[in-house]
Amino acid sequence: MSNQPTPTTIKYLDGSEVEIAGEIPAEQFSKYRAEALKTLGEGLTLDGFRKGHIPDTILVREIGNENILNHMAERAIQDAYPIIIKEHNISPIGRPSVRITKQADGNPLGFVLTTALMPKVTLPDYKLLAQGKKREDAVPVSDEDVNKALLQLQKMRTSPPERDGEKDEEVALLPLDDDFARGLGPFSSLMELRDKIRENLETERARELRDKHRASIVEAIIRDTKADLPQVLVDSELAKMFAEMRSNISSMGIEWQGYLDKAKKTEDDLRLEWRDKAKERVTANLAILEIGRDQGVEVTDEEIAPDLSTLLEQYPDADPDRARAYVNESLYNNKVLEYLEGQSDDDQKK
C-alpha cells in the first residue's frame, strides 16, 4: 500500500540472525483500516443487511477492533518488510518472526522482526586442502568378481520348485551359456554378457572411488570452514534427513512408527543424534556455494534443460520451479566438486 521507508534500527545477533525494531507511523498505519474491514467483512452475513454492505460501525462491533488491528498490522508489515531489508541491504532466509510492541487506534504500529540471514562463510585454503587428498587407484575387476556377479544373476533367474506347498531351496541353477545371456537382454553370447558385467563393475568402482575422493576433500575443507549457522538452515537440513530416512524405510515395506518403536527411539532422539551431521551438511553446502562463487562457476539453461526434462518425465507431478532449482543446485555442486578434484589430480601429476 505504501512505499515509504519505515524508521527502523537493526541489531545483529548470534546464529546469523538479525533483529529489526521499528514503527510504522500512525497516519500510514491507519490507511490499512479500510482494507481490513473489507476483507474481514466479506464473509459476514447479518439480517437486514446485504452482504458486503454492512456499515463500518456494525462491522467493528461484530468482528472486534482487536481482530481488525491485527489484520492491519499483518498487512502493514508485509508491505514494509521488503523495503526494510532493501534499505539495510540484508539477505534474509525464510519468514521472519514478528512481535508487535505497540498497537492501538491512532498510534504508530511498533514491531520487532527477527530473521535469519545467509551466514558469512570464511573458507580455508581449499586448493591446498584438495591437493593434499589423493585419489585411490581402482582395484582391477577380476574374473572371480565377474563370476560372483554371474552367480547372483543365476540365482535371481532360477525359481525354486514347490514341494508340498513349500519352496525347495535345493535346485539346480540355470546353465551359464549363450541362451542364458540372451535371456537377460541384447547379448548374443555369454562372453558378451561377461564383458558387460566387467564394464559395469569397473564403472561402479570408479564412481565409488570418485565419491570417496570428493568426500575426503569436502571433509577437509569444512573442518576449517567458519560459518555461524542460523538455526533455520540446520532445521531445514534435519527435515531433509528425516524425509530421506522415511523414504528408505518405506521402500523396505516398514512403517515409520514401527521402525521407531523397534529402534526404541523418538523423532526427538533422532534430531538430537543427527544435529551434528546436519550442521556438517549445511556447512558443506555453504562451502561449495562459496567456492563456486570464488571460481565463477555458473550453470547455463542449456545444461539444465536435459536433466530437467528427464526429472519431470520421472516425476510429472513435481513443481517445475522446484525441479529446476534442484537440477541447478545439483549441476552447480558437481562443477565445484569437479574443480576440486582437478586440483588434486593436477598435484598428483607433478
Protein backbone atom coordinates (compact mmCIF):
# COMPACT_ATOMS: atom_id res chain seq x y z
CA MET A 1 0.00 0.00 0.00
CA SER A 2 2.90 2.33 0.71
CA ASN A 3 6.48 2.51 -0.46
CA GLN A 4 7.52 4.96 2.23
CA PRO A 5 10.57 3.83 4.27
CA THR A 6 9.83 2.82 7.85
CA PRO A 7 12.08 4.12 10.68
CA THR A 8 13.99 1.09 11.97
CA THR A 9 17.02 0.09 13.99
CA ILE A 10 18.92 -3.12 13.38
CA LYS A 11 20.79 -5.41 15.77
CA TYR A 12 22.86 -8.40 14.68
CA LEU A 13 22.52 -11.50 16.85
CA ASP A 14 24.42 -14.76 17.24
CA GLY A 15 23.48 -17.59 14.91
CA SER A 16 23.41 -15.28 11.86
CA GLU A 17 20.15 -13.65 12.94
CA VAL A 18 19.15 -10.03 12.89
CA GLU A 19 16.62 -8.14 14.99
CA ILE A 20 14.84 -5.22 13.35
CA ALA A 21 12.86 -2.86 15.57
CA GLY A 22 10.72 -0.14 14.09
CA GLU A 23 7.48 1.79 13.89
CA ILE A 24 5.02 2.42 11.11
CA PRO A 25 3.67 5.98 11.54
CA ALA A 26 0.07 6.28 12.71
CA GLU A 27 -1.11 8.04 9.55
CA GLN A 28 0.40 5.32 7.36
CA PHE A 29 -0.88 2.50 9.60
CA SER A 30 -4.45 3.88 9.58
CA LYS A 31 -4.62 3.54 5.80
CA TYR A 32 -4.88 -0.23 6.22
CA ARG A 33 -8.14 0.01 8.16
CA ALA A 34 -10.47 0.18 5.15
CA GLU A 35 -8.86 -2.88 3.55
CA ALA A 36 -9.05 -4.79 6.84
CA LEU A 37 -12.76 -4.01 7.23
CA LYS A 38 -13.45 -5.05 3.65
CA THR A 39 -11.52 -8.32 3.89
CA LEU A 40 -12.80 -9.37 7.30
CA GLY A 41 -16.35 -8.37 6.47
CA GLU A 42 -16.57 -10.22 3.15
CA GLY A 43 -17.85 -13.44 4.68
CA LEU A 44 -20.05 -11.80 7.31
CA THR A 45 -23.83 -12.15 6.95
CA LEU A 46 -26.26 -10.16 9.12
CA ASP A 47 -30.05 -9.97 8.95
CA GLY A 48 -31.25 -6.71 7.47
CA PHE A 49 -28.04 -6.01 5.52
CA ARG A 50 -26.91 -7.00 2.08
CA LYS A 51 -23.66 -8.96 2.02
CA GLY A 52 -20.78 -6.54 1.59
CA HIS A 53 -22.89 -3.52 2.57
CA ILE A 54 -22.71 -3.66 6.35
CA PRO A 55 -21.85 -0.28 7.95
CA ASP A 56 -18.34 0.02 9.43
CA THR A 57 -19.62 0.66 12.95
CA ILE A 58 -21.53 -2.61 12.92
CA LEU A 59 -18.60 -4.46 11.31
CA VAL A 60 -16.32 -3.29 14.14
CA ARG A 61 -18.84 -4.49 16.69
CA GLU A 62 -19.22 -7.90 15.05
CA ILE A 63 -15.58 -8.53 14.11
CA GLY A 64 -13.91 -6.91 17.09
CA ASN A 65 -11.50 -4.00 16.93
CA GLU A 66 -8.58 -6.19 18.09
CA ASN A 67 -9.04 -8.51 15.10
CA ILE A 68 -9.13 -5.52 12.77
CA LEU A 69 -5.92 -4.09 14.25
CA ASN A 70 -4.23 -7.50 13.95
CA HIS A 71 -5.15 -7.70 10.27
CA MET A 72 -3.93 -4.13 9.70
CA ALA A 73 -0.63 -4.95 11.41
CA GLU A 74 -0.13 -8.09 9.33
CA ARG A 75 -0.70 -6.28 6.04
CA ALA A 76 1.35 -3.23 7.04
CA ILE A 77 4.38 -5.34 7.99
CA GLN A 78 4.05 -7.44 4.82
CA ASP A 79 4.34 -4.25 2.78
CA ALA A 80 7.11 -2.74 4.89
CA TYR A 81 9.35 -5.82 5.15
CA PRO A 82 10.73 -5.82 1.56
CA ILE A 83 11.53 -2.12 1.88
CA ILE A 84 13.27 -2.64 5.22
CA ILE A 85 15.54 -5.45 4.04
CA LYS A 86 16.44 -3.47 0.90
CA GLU A 87 17.20 -0.39 2.97
CA HIS A 88 19.55 -2.34 5.26
CA ASN A 89 20.98 -4.45 2.40
CA ILE A 90 20.37 -7.77 4.16
CA SER A 91 19.59 -11.20 2.69
CA PRO A 92 17.06 -12.97 4.93
CA ILE A 93 16.39 -16.72 4.91
CA GLY A 94 12.80 -17.84 5.35
CA ARG A 95 9.98 -15.94 7.02
CA PRO A 96 10.68 -13.55 9.92
CA SER A 97 9.15 -13.94 13.35
CA VAL A 98 7.08 -10.90 14.30
CA ARG A 99 6.48 -9.38 17.72
CA ILE A 100 4.10 -6.42 18.00
CA THR A 101 5.23 -3.91 20.64
CA LYS A 102 2.59 -1.20 20.14
CA GLN A 103 -0.82 -1.47 18.51
CA ALA A 104 -3.73 0.91 19.07
CA ASP A 105 -6.08 3.18 17.13
CA GLY A 106 -4.47 6.48 16.20
CA ASN A 107 -0.99 5.34 17.22
CA PRO A 108 2.10 4.13 15.36
CA LEU A 109 2.48 0.39 14.94
CA GLY A 110 5.53 -0.80 16.87
CA PHE A 111 7.16 -4.09 15.93
CA VAL A 112 10.26 -6.26 16.25
CA LEU A 113 11.19 -8.61 13.42
CA THR A 114 13.71 -11.41 13.90
CA THR A 115 15.01 -13.21 10.85
CA ALA A 116 17.90 -15.47 9.88
CA LEU A 117 20.50 -14.28 7.40
CA MET A 118 22.66 -16.11 4.92
CA PRO A 119 25.79 -16.57 7.07
CA LYS A 120 29.19 -15.18 6.20
CA VAL A 121 31.43 -18.08 5.17
CA THR A 122 35.19 -17.96 5.75
CA LEU A 123 36.93 -20.60 3.70
CA PRO A 124 40.33 -22.16 4.36
CA ASP A 125 42.90 -22.60 1.57
CA TYR A 126 40.66 -25.07 -0.23
CA LYS A 127 43.01 -25.52 -3.17
CA LEU A 128 45.82 -26.65 -0.89
CA LEU A 129 43.49 -28.95 1.05
CA ALA A 130 42.22 -30.50 -2.19
CA GLN A 131 45.78 -31.06 -3.37
CA GLY A 132 46.50 -32.96 -0.16
CA LYS A 133 43.82 -35.56 -0.87
CA LYS A 134 44.98 -38.23 -3.27
CA ARG A 135 42.66 -40.37 -5.31
CA GLU A 136 42.99 -44.10 -4.70
CA ASP A 137 43.78 -46.36 -7.64
CA ALA A 138 40.94 -48.61 -8.69
CA VAL A 139 41.35 -52.31 -7.96
CA PRO A 140 41.05 -54.19 -11.27
CA VAL A 141 37.93 -56.28 -11.74
CA SER A 142 38.94 -59.93 -11.58
CA ASP A 143 37.39 -62.97 -13.23
CA GLU A 144 36.26 -64.00 -9.77
CA ASP A 145 34.33 -60.73 -9.40
CA VAL A 146 32.59 -61.35 -12.70
CA ASN A 147 31.81 -64.94 -11.70
CA LYS A 148 30.23 -63.76 -8.43
CA ALA A 149 28.02 -61.33 -10.33
CA LEU A 150 27.00 -64.08 -12.74
CA LEU A 151 26.14 -66.36 -9.84
CA GLN A 152 23.82 -63.70 -8.43
CA LEU A 153 22.13 -63.44 -11.81
CA GLN A 154 21.74 -67.21 -11.92
CA LYS A 155 20.08 -67.24 -8.50
CA MET A 156 17.76 -64.38 -9.45
CA ARG A 157 16.72 -66.12 -12.70
CA THR A 158 16.16 -69.54 -11.13
CA SER A 159 12.80 -70.13 -9.43
CA PRO A 160 12.84 -72.95 -6.85
CA PRO A 161 10.04 -75.51 -7.42
CA GLU A 162 7.38 -76.09 -4.79
CA ARG A 163 7.06 -79.36 -2.89
CA ASP A 164 4.03 -79.85 -0.67
CA GLY A 165 3.34 -76.12 -0.74
CA GLU A 166 6.87 -75.16 0.31
CA LYS A 167 9.77 -73.86 -1.70
CA ASP A 168 12.63 -76.27 -2.33
CA GLU A 169 15.82 -74.24 -1.99
CA GLU A 170 17.98 -77.08 -3.31
CA VAL A 171 17.54 -76.58 -7.02
CA ALA A 172 19.95 -76.67 -9.95
CA LEU A 173 20.81 -73.26 -11.30
CA LEU A 174 20.22 -72.42 -14.92
CA PRO A 175 23.28 -73.27 -17.02
CA LEU A 176 25.62 -70.43 -17.90
CA ASP A 177 25.53 -70.45 -21.68
CA ASP A 178 24.65 -68.23 -24.62
CA ASP A 179 20.91 -68.88 -24.12
CA PHE A 180 21.18 -67.65 -20.53
CA ALA A 181 22.89 -64.46 -21.74
CA ARG A 182 20.27 -63.85 -24.44
CA GLY A 183 17.55 -64.18 -21.81
CA LEU A 184 18.98 -61.19 -19.93
CA GLY A 185 18.98 -58.68 -22.76
CA PRO A 186 20.56 -57.79 -26.08
CA PHE A 187 23.50 -60.16 -25.66
CA SER A 188 24.48 -62.59 -28.41
CA SER A 189 26.74 -64.71 -26.23
CA LEU A 190 27.83 -65.42 -22.68
CA MET A 191 31.16 -63.76 -23.43
CA GLU A 192 29.37 -60.54 -24.37
CA LEU A 193 27.43 -60.69 -21.10
CA ARG A 194 30.65 -61.22 -19.14
CA ASP A 195 32.24 -58.22 -20.86
CA LYS A 196 29.24 -56.04 -19.97
CA ILE A 197 29.32 -57.16 -16.34
CA ARG A 198 33.04 -56.36 -16.17
CA GLU A 199 32.40 -52.93 -17.68
CA ASN A 200 29.60 -52.20 -15.18
CA LEU A 201 31.73 -53.30 -12.24
CA GLU A 202 34.60 -51.09 -13.40
CA THR A 203 32.24 -48.13 -13.77
CA GLU A 204 30.77 -48.76 -10.31
CA ARG A 205 34.21 -48.96 -8.70
CA ALA A 206 35.34 -45.78 -10.43
CA ARG A 207 32.21 -43.99 -9.19
CA GLU A 208 32.73 -45.23 -5.63
CA LEU A 209 36.35 -44.04 -5.65
CA ARG A 210 35.33 -40.70 -7.10
CA ASP A 211 32.67 -40.21 -4.42
CA LYS A 212 35.12 -41.26 -1.70
CA HIS A 213 37.74 -38.85 -3.03
CA ARG A 214 35.24 -35.99 -3.21
CA ALA A 215 34.01 -36.71 0.31
CA SER A 216 37.57 -36.63 1.69
CA ILE A 217 38.19 -33.24 0.05
CA VAL A 218 34.94 -31.75 1.35
CA GLU A 219 35.52 -33.13 4.85
CA ALA A 220 38.95 -31.48 4.95
CA ILE A 221 37.52 -28.16 3.76
CA ILE A 222 34.54 -27.99 6.12
CA ARG A 223 36.75 -28.90 9.07
CA ASP A 224 38.36 -25.46 8.74
CA THR A 225 35.40 -23.53 7.31
CA LYS A 226 33.99 -20.85 9.60
CA ALA A 227 30.27 -20.08 9.45
CA ASP A 228 27.81 -19.01 12.16
CA LEU A 229 24.94 -21.26 11.12
CA PRO A 230 21.37 -19.98 11.56
CA GLN A 231 19.07 -22.49 13.22
CA VAL A 232 16.62 -22.35 10.33
CA LEU A 233 19.21 -23.89 7.98
CA VAL A 234 20.03 -26.67 10.44
CA ASP A 235 16.33 -27.40 10.96
CA SER A 236 15.77 -27.45 7.21
CA GLU A 237 18.60 -29.96 6.76
CA LEU A 238 17.19 -32.12 9.55
CA ALA A 239 13.86 -32.12 7.74
CA LYS A 240 15.62 -33.36 4.58
CA MET A 241 17.34 -36.10 6.57
CA PHE A 242 14.02 -37.21 8.02
CA ALA A 243 12.46 -37.25 4.54
CA GLU A 244 15.35 -39.37 3.23
CA MET A 245 15.09 -41.81 6.13
CA ARG A 246 11.31 -42.10 5.83
CA SER A 247 11.65 -42.83 2.11
CA ASN A 248 14.29 -45.51 2.74
CA ILE A 249 12.22 -47.13 5.48
CA SER A 250 9.08 -47.06 3.32
CA SER A 251 10.93 -48.64 0.37
CA MET A 252 11.65 -51.63 2.63
CA GLY A 253 7.96 -52.01 3.41
CA ILE A 254 8.32 -50.85 7.01
CA GLU A 255 6.05 -48.30 8.68
CA TRP A 256 7.83 -45.29 10.14
CA GLN A 257 6.36 -45.62 13.62
CA GLY A 258 7.14 -49.33 13.60
CA TYR A 259 10.76 -48.52 12.80
CA LEU A 260 10.94 -46.01 15.66
CA ASP A 261 9.36 -48.48 18.08
CA LYS A 262 11.79 -51.24 17.13
CA ALA A 263 14.75 -48.85 17.45
CA LYS A 264 13.32 -47.64 20.79
CA LYS A 265 13.73 -44.03 19.70
CA THR A 266 11.57 -40.97 19.18
CA GLU A 267 11.90 -38.36 16.44
CA ASP A 268 13.34 -36.01 19.07
CA ASP A 269 16.01 -38.62 19.83
CA LEU A 270 16.94 -38.75 16.15
CA ARG A 271 17.04 -34.98 15.85
CA LEU A 272 19.49 -34.85 18.73
CA GLU A 273 21.62 -37.63 17.24
CA TRP A 274 21.60 -36.12 13.76
CA ARG A 275 22.13 -32.45 14.69
CA ASP A 276 25.93 -32.51 14.29
CA LYS A 277 25.61 -34.31 10.96
CA ALA A 278 23.04 -31.77 9.81
CA LYS A 279 25.45 -28.95 10.70
CA GLU A 280 28.19 -30.66 8.70
CA ARG A 281 25.90 -30.97 5.69
CA VAL A 282 24.85 -27.32 5.90
CA THR A 283 28.48 -26.21 6.22
CA ALA A 284 29.43 -28.36 3.23
CA ASN A 285 26.64 -26.83 1.12
CA LEU A 286 27.68 -23.30 2.10
CA ALA A 287 31.36 -24.03 1.44
CA ILE A 288 30.61 -25.46 -2.01
CA LEU A 289 28.44 -22.45 -2.81
CA GLU A 290 31.18 -20.05 -1.72
CA ILE A 291 33.92 -21.89 -3.63
CA GLY A 292 31.74 -21.79 -6.73
CA ARG A 293 31.31 -18.04 -6.37
CA ASP A 294 35.04 -17.66 -5.83
CA GLN A 295 35.74 -19.58 -9.05
CA GLY A 296 32.93 -18.01 -11.07
CA VAL A 297 31.03 -21.28 -11.52
CA GLU A 298 27.81 -20.92 -13.50
CA VAL A 299 25.15 -23.31 -14.78
CA THR A 300 23.54 -22.44 -18.10
CA ASP A 301 19.98 -23.04 -19.27
CA GLU A 302 21.36 -25.38 -21.93
CA GLU A 303 22.98 -27.51 -19.24
CA ILE A 304 19.85 -27.59 -17.11
CA ALA A 305 17.38 -28.47 -19.90
CA PRO A 306 18.15 -32.19 -20.48
CA ASP A 307 18.34 -33.13 -16.78
CA LEU A 308 15.20 -31.10 -16.01
CA SER A 309 13.31 -32.82 -18.83
CA THR A 310 14.33 -36.25 -17.54
CA LEU A 311 13.37 -35.36 -13.97
CA LEU A 312 9.93 -34.09 -14.96
CA GLU A 313 9.33 -37.22 -17.03
CA GLN A 314 10.08 -39.35 -13.97
CA TYR A 315 8.02 -37.13 -11.64
CA PRO A 316 5.28 -35.50 -13.76
CA ASP A 317 3.56 -34.05 -10.68
CA ALA A 318 6.70 -32.23 -9.50
CA ASP A 319 6.65 -28.43 -9.30
CA PRO A 320 8.67 -27.23 -12.34
CA ASP A 321 10.31 -24.34 -10.45
CA ARG A 322 11.41 -26.57 -7.59
CA ALA A 323 12.61 -29.23 -10.02
CA ARG A 324 14.63 -26.62 -11.89
CA ALA A 325 16.18 -25.36 -8.66
CA TYR A 326 17.10 -28.93 -7.71
CA VAL A 327 18.77 -29.60 -11.07
CA ASN A 328 20.58 -26.26 -10.97
CA GLU A 329 21.95 -26.97 -7.49
CA SER A 330 23.00 -30.49 -8.44
CA LEU A 331 24.88 -29.34 -11.55
CA TYR A 332 26.46 -26.41 -9.69
CA ASN A 333 27.70 -28.67 -6.88
CA ASN A 334 29.06 -31.18 -9.38
CA LYS A 335 31.02 -28.46 -11.19
CA VAL A 336 32.59 -27.29 -7.93
CA LEU A 337 33.49 -30.86 -6.92
CA GLU A 338 35.00 -31.48 -10.36
CA TYR A 339 37.11 -28.35 -9.91
CA LEU A 340 38.34 -29.55 -6.51
CA GLU A 341 39.10 -32.99 -7.92
CA GLY A 342 41.08 -31.29 -10.65
CA GLN A 343 43.24 -29.54 -8.06
CA SER A 344 44.08 -32.91 -6.53
CA ASP A 345 44.66 -34.60 -9.87
CA ASP A 346 46.91 -31.77 -11.10
CA ASP A 347 49.01 -32.07 -7.96
CA GLN A 348 49.37 -35.83 -8.46
CA LYS A 349 50.70 -35.28 -11.98
CA LYS A 350 53.50 -33.02 -10.74
